[in-house]
Amino acid sequence: MKVELTIIISTIGVCASIYFGLSGFRRNQKSDDQKQASETTGIQIDLKNINNGVNEIKAEMRSIRDENKESRERLILVEASAKQAHKRIDDIVQTKGGE
């Protein structure tokens, strides 16, 4: 009878240990899952912010490219105008006395 009681107490002790061990594991697993979800959310937010920054930079670069194109076109017109002005000045110089 003593042996049977010892076996019953041992079995109850083992079952209780398994139960508390699994309870602690589940609690830790939930905590780990929450931490991982929080970290993942933070990373996703950071990636969205980086994406927005890249899109802003792209838009700025397009704007700068357009301004640069306009400046080149204006420069070409100014150079053509200056070339015509030099030609007229040369013509005037030649008609005034050939200096």
C-alpha atoms as a PDB file:
ATOM      1  CA  MET A   1       0.000   0.000   0.000  1.00  0.00           C
ATOM      2  CA  LYS A   2       2.864   2.335   0.751  1.00  0.00           C
ATOM      3  CA  VAL A   3       4.326   1.583  -2.627  1.00  0.00           C
ATOM      4  CA  GLU A   4       1.028   2.322  -4.325  1.00  0.00           C
ATOM      5  CA  LEU A   5       0.746   5.651  -2.491  1.00  0.00           C
ATOM      6  CA  THR A   6       4.292   6.545  -3.474  1.00  0.00           C
ATOM      7  CA  ILE A   7       3.536   5.714  -7.101  1.00  0.00           C
ATOM      8  CA  ILE A   8       0.341   7.830  -7.019  1.00  0.00           C
ATOM      9  CA  ILE A   9       2.144  10.796  -5.434  1.00  0.00           C
ATOM     10  CA  SER A  10       4.992  10.471  -7.917  1.00  0.00           C
ATOM     11  CA  THR A  11       2.545  10.315 -10.825  1.00  0.00           C
ATOM     12  CA  ILE A  12       0.693  13.402  -9.556  1.00  0.00           C
ATOM     13  CA  GLY A  13       4.024  15.211  -9.145  1.00  0.00           C
ATOM     14  CA  VAL A  14       5.117  14.326 -12.673  1.00  0.00           C
ATOM     15  CA  CYS A  15       1.745  15.413 -14.109  1.00  0.00           C
ATOM     16  CA  ALA A  16       1.885  18.696 -12.192  1.00  0.00           C
ATOM     17  CA  SER A  17       5.429  19.325 -13.418  1.00  0.00           C
ATOM     18  CA  ILE A  18       4.391  18.667 -16.997  1.00  0.00           C
ATOM     19  CA  TYR A  19       1.338  20.926 -16.628  1.00  0.00           C
ATOM     20  CA  PHE A  20       3.285  23.843 -15.136  1.00  0.00           C
ATOM     21  CA  GLY A  21       6.088  23.378 -17.637  1.00  0.00           C
ATOM     22  CA  LEU A  22       3.661  23.539 -20.566  1.00  0.00           C
ATOM     23  CA  SER A  23       1.861  26.539 -19.014  1.00  0.00           C
ATOM     24  CA  GLY A  24       5.132  28.425 -18.696  1.00  0.00           C
ATOM     25  CA  PHE A  25       6.111  27.472 -22.241  1.00  0.00           C
ATOM     26  CA  ARG A  26       2.789  28.762 -23.612  1.00  0.00           C
ATOM     27  CA  ARG A  27       3.097  31.996 -21.663  1.00  0.00           C
ATOM     28  CA  ASN A  28       6.644  32.532 -22.942  1.00  0.00           C
ATOM     29  CA  GLN A  29       5.560  31.631 -26.469  1.00  0.00           C
ATOM     30  CA  LYS A  30       2.764  34.241 -26.369  1.00  0.00           C
ATOM     31  CA  SER A  31       5.200  36.826 -25.057  1.00  0.00           C
ATOM     32  CA  ASP A  32       7.711  35.958 -27.782  1.00  0.00           C
ATOM     33  CA  ASP A  33       4.989  36.128 -30.445  1.00  0.00           C
ATOM     34  CA  GLN A  34       3.926  39.581 -29.216  1.00  0.00           C
ATOM     35  CA  LYS A  35       7.515  40.833 -29.263  1.00  0.00           C
ATOM     36  CA  GLN A  36       8.052  39.461 -32.751  1.00  0.00           C
ATOM     37  CA  ALA A  37       4.814  41.029 -33.998  1.00  0.00           C
ATOM     38  CA  SER A  38       5.834  44.356 -32.491  1.00  0.00           C
ATOM     39  CA  GLU A  39       9.268  44.184 -34.104  1.00  0.00           C
ATOM     40  CA  THR A  40       7.782  43.193 -37.462  1.00  0.00           C
ATOM     41  CA  THR A  41       5.349  46.100 -37.311  1.00  0.00           C
ATOM     42  CA  GLY A  42       8.198  48.472 -36.515  1.00  0.00           C
ATOM     43  CA  ILE A  43      10.214  47.170 -39.452  1.00  0.00           C
ATOM     44  CA  GLN A  44       7.234  47.538 -41.785  1.00  0.00           C
ATOM     45  CA  ILE A  45       6.718  51.135 -40.661  1.00  0.00           C
ATOM     46  CA  ASP A  46      10.405  51.884 -41.183  1.00  0.00           C
ATOM     47  CA  LEU A  47      10.264  50.363 -44.675  1.00  0.00           C
ATOM     48  CA  LYS A  48       7.212  52.473 -45.545  1.00  0.00           C
ATOM     49  CA  ASN A  49       9.028  55.601 -44.349  1.00  0.00           C
ATOM     50  CA  ILE A  50      12.083  54.684 -46.424  1.00  0.00           C
ATOM     51  CA  ASN A  51       9.856  54.046 -49.437  1.00  0.00           C
ATOM     52  CA  ASN A  52       8.199  57.449 -48.997  1.00  0.00           C
ATOM     53  CA  GLY A  53      11.622  59.089 -48.750  1.00  0.00           C
ATOM     54  CA  VAL A  54      12.813  57.361 -51.918  1.00  0.00           C
ATOM     55  CA  ASN A  55       9.657  58.457 -53.750  1.00  0.00           C
ATOM     56  CA  GLU A  56      10.227  62.054 -52.632  1.00  0.00           C
ATOM     57  CA  ILE A  57      13.829  61.910 -53.838  1.00  0.00           C
ATOM     58  CA  LYS A  58      12.692  60.527 -57.201  1.00  0.00           C
ATOM     59  CA  ALA A  59      10.155  63.338 -57.588  1.00  0.00           C
ATOM     60  CA  GLU A  60      12.822  65.896 -56.685  1.00  0.00           C
ATOM     61  CA  MET A  61      15.232  64.371 -59.189  1.00  0.00           C
ATOM     62  CA  ARG A  62      12.578  64.573 -61.939  1.00  0.00           C
ATOM     63  CA  SER A  63      12.026  68.214 -61.108  1.00  0.00           C
ATOM     64  CA  ILE A  64      15.766  68.943 -61.175  1.00  0.00           C
ATOM     65  CA  ARG A  65      16.099  67.060 -64.478  1.00  0.00           C
ATOM     66  CA  ASP A  66      13.281  69.141 -65.993  1.00  0.00           C
ATOM     67  CA  GLU A  67      14.832  72.385 -64.751  1.00  0.00           C
ATOM     68  CA  ASN A  68      18.213  71.316 -66.136  1.00  0.00           C
ATOM     69  CA  LYS A  69      16.623  70.551 -69.508  1.00  0.00           C
ATOM     70  CA  GLU A  70      14.964  73.977 -69.573  1.00  0.00           C
ATOM     71  CA  SER A  71      18.272  75.638 -68.677  1.00  0.00           C
ATOM     72  CA  ARG A  72      20.079  73.792 -71.497  1.00  0.00           C
ATOM     73  CA  GLU A  73      17.419  74.848 -73.984  1.00  0.00           C
ATOM     74  CA  ARG A  74      17.658  78.478 -72.853  1.00  0.00           C
ATOM     75  CA  LEU A  75      21.462  78.347 -73.040  1.00  0.00           C
ATOM     76  CA  ILE A  76      21.288  77.088 -76.618  1.00  0.00           C
ATOM     77  CA  LEU A  77      18.995  79.994 -77.526  1.00  0.00           C
ATOM     78  CA  VAL A  78      21.285  82.511 -75.814  1.00  0.00           C
ATOM     79  CA  GLU A  79      24.336  81.097 -77.610  1.00  0.00           C
ATOM     80  CA  ALA A  80      22.534  81.331 -80.956  1.00  0.00           C
ATOM     81  CA  SER A  81      21.504  84.879 -80.184  1.00  0.00           C
ATOM     82  CA  ALA A  82      25.056  85.821 -79.153  1.00  0.00           C
ATOM     83  CA  LYS A  83      26.418  84.280 -82.360  1.00  0.00           C
ATOM     84  CA  GLN A  84      24.001  86.384 -84.415  1.00  0.00           C
ATOM     85  CA  ALA A  85      24.917  89.486 -82.424  1.00  0.00           C
ATOM     86  CA  HIS A  86      28.637  88.894 -83.021  1.00  0.00           C
ATOM     87  CA  LYS A  87      27.992  88.482 -86.719  1.00  0.00           C
ATOM     88  CA  ARG A  88      26.063  91.769 -86.815  1.00  0.00           C
ATOM     89  CA  ILE A  89      28.782  93.511 -84.832  1.00  0.00           C
ATOM     90  CA  ASP A  90      31.399  92.172 -87.265  1.00  0.00           C
ATOM     91  CA  ASP A  91      29.303  93.448 -90.192  1.00  0.00           C
ATOM     92  CA  ILE A  92      28.985  96.886 -88.577  1.00  0.00           C
ATOM     93  CA  VAL A  93      32.729  97.021 -87.880  1.00  0.00           C
ATOM     94  CA  GLN A  94      33.519  96.117 -91.487  1.00  0.00           C
ATOM     95  CA  THR A  95      31.158  98.786 -92.877  1.00  0.00           C
ATOM     96  CA  LYS A  96      32.515 101.472 -90.514  1.00  0.00           C
ATOM     97  CA  GLY A  97      36.079 101.134 -91.494  1.00  0.00           C
ATOM     98  CA  GLY A  98      37.343  97.655 -91.195  1.00  0.00           C
ATOM     99  CA  GLU A  99      38.796  97.764 -87.727  1.00  0.00           C
END
